[in-house]
Amino acid sequence: MNKEVLEDIKNILQKQLNELLKDADKTVSEMTVEKVNYPDPTDRATEESDRSFELRIRDRERKLINKIKETIDRIDSGDYGVCEVCEEEIGEARLRARPVTTLCIDCKTEQERLEKIG
C-alpha cells in the first residue's frame, strides 16, 4: 500500500484517538465532581440512568480506543491492510471507510452471513 495513504490513515486514527481520550477525561472529571443530592427519587433515578448510559458509551469507546491503538501498531509494523482470514490486501476504499477493519469486504460479508445463520 502507498506510504502516503498509510500516513493519511494513521493521522485520521490518531485524531480520532485523541478525541476519544479527551472525551474520556471529560467524563471522568464530570463524574468525580460533587453531585447534587436529589430529594426526589425520580430525579435521582434519571441522573443514575443518564450516568449509566454515559458509562456504556465510554465502554464502547474504550474498545474502539484499543482497536485504534492496535491498528496504529499494525501500520507501524507493516502488517496493515491485509485480511486476517484470506490474507489478501484490503481495498483502500474499505480501509478509508473503516480504518480499524481487519477483514476484506468478502470475508466480512461471509462472517456476517454465518452470524445470521448460527
Protein backbone atom coordinates (compact mmCIF):
# COMPACT_ATOMS: atom_id res chain seq x y z
CA MET A 1 0.00 0.00 0.00
CA ASN A 2 1.11 3.54 -0.77
CA LYS A 3 3.09 5.18 2.07
CA GLU A 4 1.10 8.44 1.73
CA VAL A 5 -2.19 6.56 2.14
CA LEU A 6 -0.85 4.80 5.23
CA GLU A 7 0.26 8.09 6.76
CA ASP A 8 -3.10 9.67 5.96
CA ILE A 9 -5.00 6.81 7.61
CA LYS A 10 -2.64 6.89 10.60
CA ASN A 11 -3.26 10.63 11.03
CA ILE A 12 -7.03 10.08 10.88
CA LEU A 13 -6.75 7.35 13.51
CA GLN A 14 -4.53 9.50 15.73
CA LYS A 15 -7.03 12.39 15.61
CA GLN A 16 -9.88 10.03 16.45
CA LEU A 17 -7.86 8.53 19.30
CA ASN A 18 -7.08 11.98 20.72
CA GLU A 19 -10.77 12.95 20.61
CA LEU A 20 -11.85 9.75 22.35
CA LEU A 21 -9.25 10.19 25.07
CA LYS A 22 -10.29 13.81 25.57
CA ASP A 23 -13.94 12.75 25.92
CA ALA A 24 -12.98 10.03 28.41
CA ASP A 25 -11.04 12.55 30.52
CA LYS A 26 -14.00 14.92 30.43
CA THR A 27 -16.36 12.16 31.60
CA VAL A 28 -14.04 11.22 34.47
CA SER A 29 -13.79 14.86 35.52
CA GLU A 30 -17.54 15.34 35.43
CA MET A 31 -18.24 12.16 37.38
CA THR A 32 -15.78 13.00 40.13
CA VAL A 33 -17.25 16.44 40.74
CA GLU A 34 -19.59 16.58 43.72
CA LYS A 35 -23.07 15.61 42.63
CA VAL A 36 -26.32 17.16 43.74
CA ASN A 37 -28.31 15.25 46.32
CA TYR A 38 -31.76 14.90 44.77
CA PRO A 39 -34.59 14.74 47.29
CA ASP A 40 -36.94 13.46 44.60
CA PRO A 41 -36.39 9.75 43.80
CA THR A 42 -37.44 10.33 40.18
CA ASP A 43 -34.74 12.96 39.69
CA ARG A 44 -32.17 10.65 41.26
CA ALA A 45 -33.27 7.78 39.01
CA THR A 46 -32.98 10.00 35.95
CA GLU A 47 -29.47 11.06 36.99
CA GLU A 48 -28.41 7.45 37.55
CA SER A 49 -29.91 6.38 34.22
CA ASP A 50 -28.03 9.16 32.42
CA ARG A 51 -24.81 8.18 34.18
CA SER A 52 -25.28 4.52 33.27
CA PHE A 53 -25.87 5.48 29.63
CA GLU A 54 -22.73 7.63 29.63
CA LEU A 55 -20.68 4.77 31.05
CA ARG A 56 -21.96 2.35 28.39
CA ILE A 57 -20.92 4.81 25.69
CA ARG A 58 -17.48 5.21 27.26
CA ASP A 59 -17.10 1.43 27.46
CA ARG A 60 -17.77 1.13 23.72
CA GLU A 61 -15.30 3.95 23.11
CA ARG A 62 -12.71 2.16 25.29
CA LYS A 63 -12.98 -0.86 23.00
CA LEU A 64 -12.60 1.41 19.97
CA ILE A 65 -9.53 3.04 21.56
CA ASN A 66 -7.94 -0.39 21.87
CA LYS A 67 -8.75 -1.18 18.22
CA ILE A 68 -7.27 2.14 17.10
CA LYS A 69 -4.07 1.52 19.07
CA GLU A 70 -3.77 -1.98 17.58
CA THR A 71 -4.33 -0.56 14.09
CA ILE A 72 -1.64 2.08 14.55
CA ASP A 73 0.72 -0.69 15.71
CA ARG A 74 -0.14 -2.72 12.58
CA ILE A 75 0.58 0.31 10.39
CA ASP A 76 3.95 0.81 12.12
CA SER A 77 4.87 -2.87 11.80
CA GLY A 78 3.83 -3.09 8.14
CA ASP A 79 1.01 -5.59 8.73
CA TYR A 80 -1.79 -3.15 7.99
CA GLY A 81 -4.21 -3.64 5.13
CA VAL A 82 -4.05 -7.44 4.90
CA CYS A 83 -7.13 -9.55 5.62
CA GLU A 84 -6.77 -11.81 8.67
CA VAL A 85 -8.71 -14.61 7.00
CA CYS A 86 -7.74 -14.80 3.33
CA GLU A 87 -4.51 -12.78 3.62
CA GLU A 88 -5.44 -10.72 0.55
CA GLU A 89 -4.95 -6.97 0.52
CA ILE A 90 -7.93 -5.00 1.82
CA GLY A 91 -9.13 -2.33 -0.61
CA GLU A 92 -8.20 1.28 0.06
CA ALA A 93 -11.83 2.41 -0.06
CA ARG A 94 -12.74 -0.06 2.70
CA LEU A 95 -9.75 1.00 4.81
CA ARG A 96 -10.70 4.64 4.46
CA ALA A 97 -14.33 3.89 5.38
CA ARG A 98 -13.39 1.66 8.33
CA PRO A 99 -9.69 2.10 9.16
CA VAL A 100 -9.72 -0.39 12.07
CA THR A 101 -11.01 -3.25 9.93
CA THR A 102 -9.03 -6.47 9.80
CA LEU A 103 -11.17 -8.23 7.19
CA CYS A 104 -11.68 -7.62 3.48
CA ILE A 105 -15.25 -6.99 2.38
CA ASP A 106 -15.76 -10.57 1.13
CA CYS A 107 -14.59 -12.16 4.39
CA LYS A 108 -16.61 -9.68 6.47
CA THR A 109 -19.73 -10.40 4.39
CA GLU A 110 -19.22 -14.13 4.92
CA GLN A 111 -18.69 -13.63 8.66
CA GLU A 112 -21.94 -11.67 8.94
CA ARG A 113 -23.80 -14.30 6.90
CA LEU A 114 -22.56 -17.04 9.24
CA GLU A 115 -23.58 -14.98 12.29
CA LYS A 116 -27.12 -14.70 10.94
CA ILE A 117 -27.34 -18.45 10.38
CA GLY A 118 -25.79 -19.52 13.68
